[in-house]
């Protein structure tokens, strides 16, 4: 996981443990799972729209929004990106090595 995502998760966990009324994240976490998954769904739709003709910059921005909201969802359930990465790794065919993924540009 990137250093930035690790730092983001630290901030999000802090917003959960030490809520601030001025924090968007604290407010979202306080509203609970229903509101968080609503945001995840909205961002997923916005990614589809962006991918269908709004350009790469817009697509990147929408993907960033989705990653943020997925991170909030993970924090809500006391989960981590490491657990997501582990789940992805378990799906990788045993015949594909990390070196092969690095050479092909996929990670």
Foldseek 3Di string as FASTA:
>chain_A
DDPVQVVLLVVLLCCCVPPDPVDPSVVQLVVHDVSLVVQLVVLVVQLVVCVVDVDDVSNVVSVVSNVSSVSSVCSSVVHGVVVVVVVVVVPDPPVDDPVNCVVVVHD
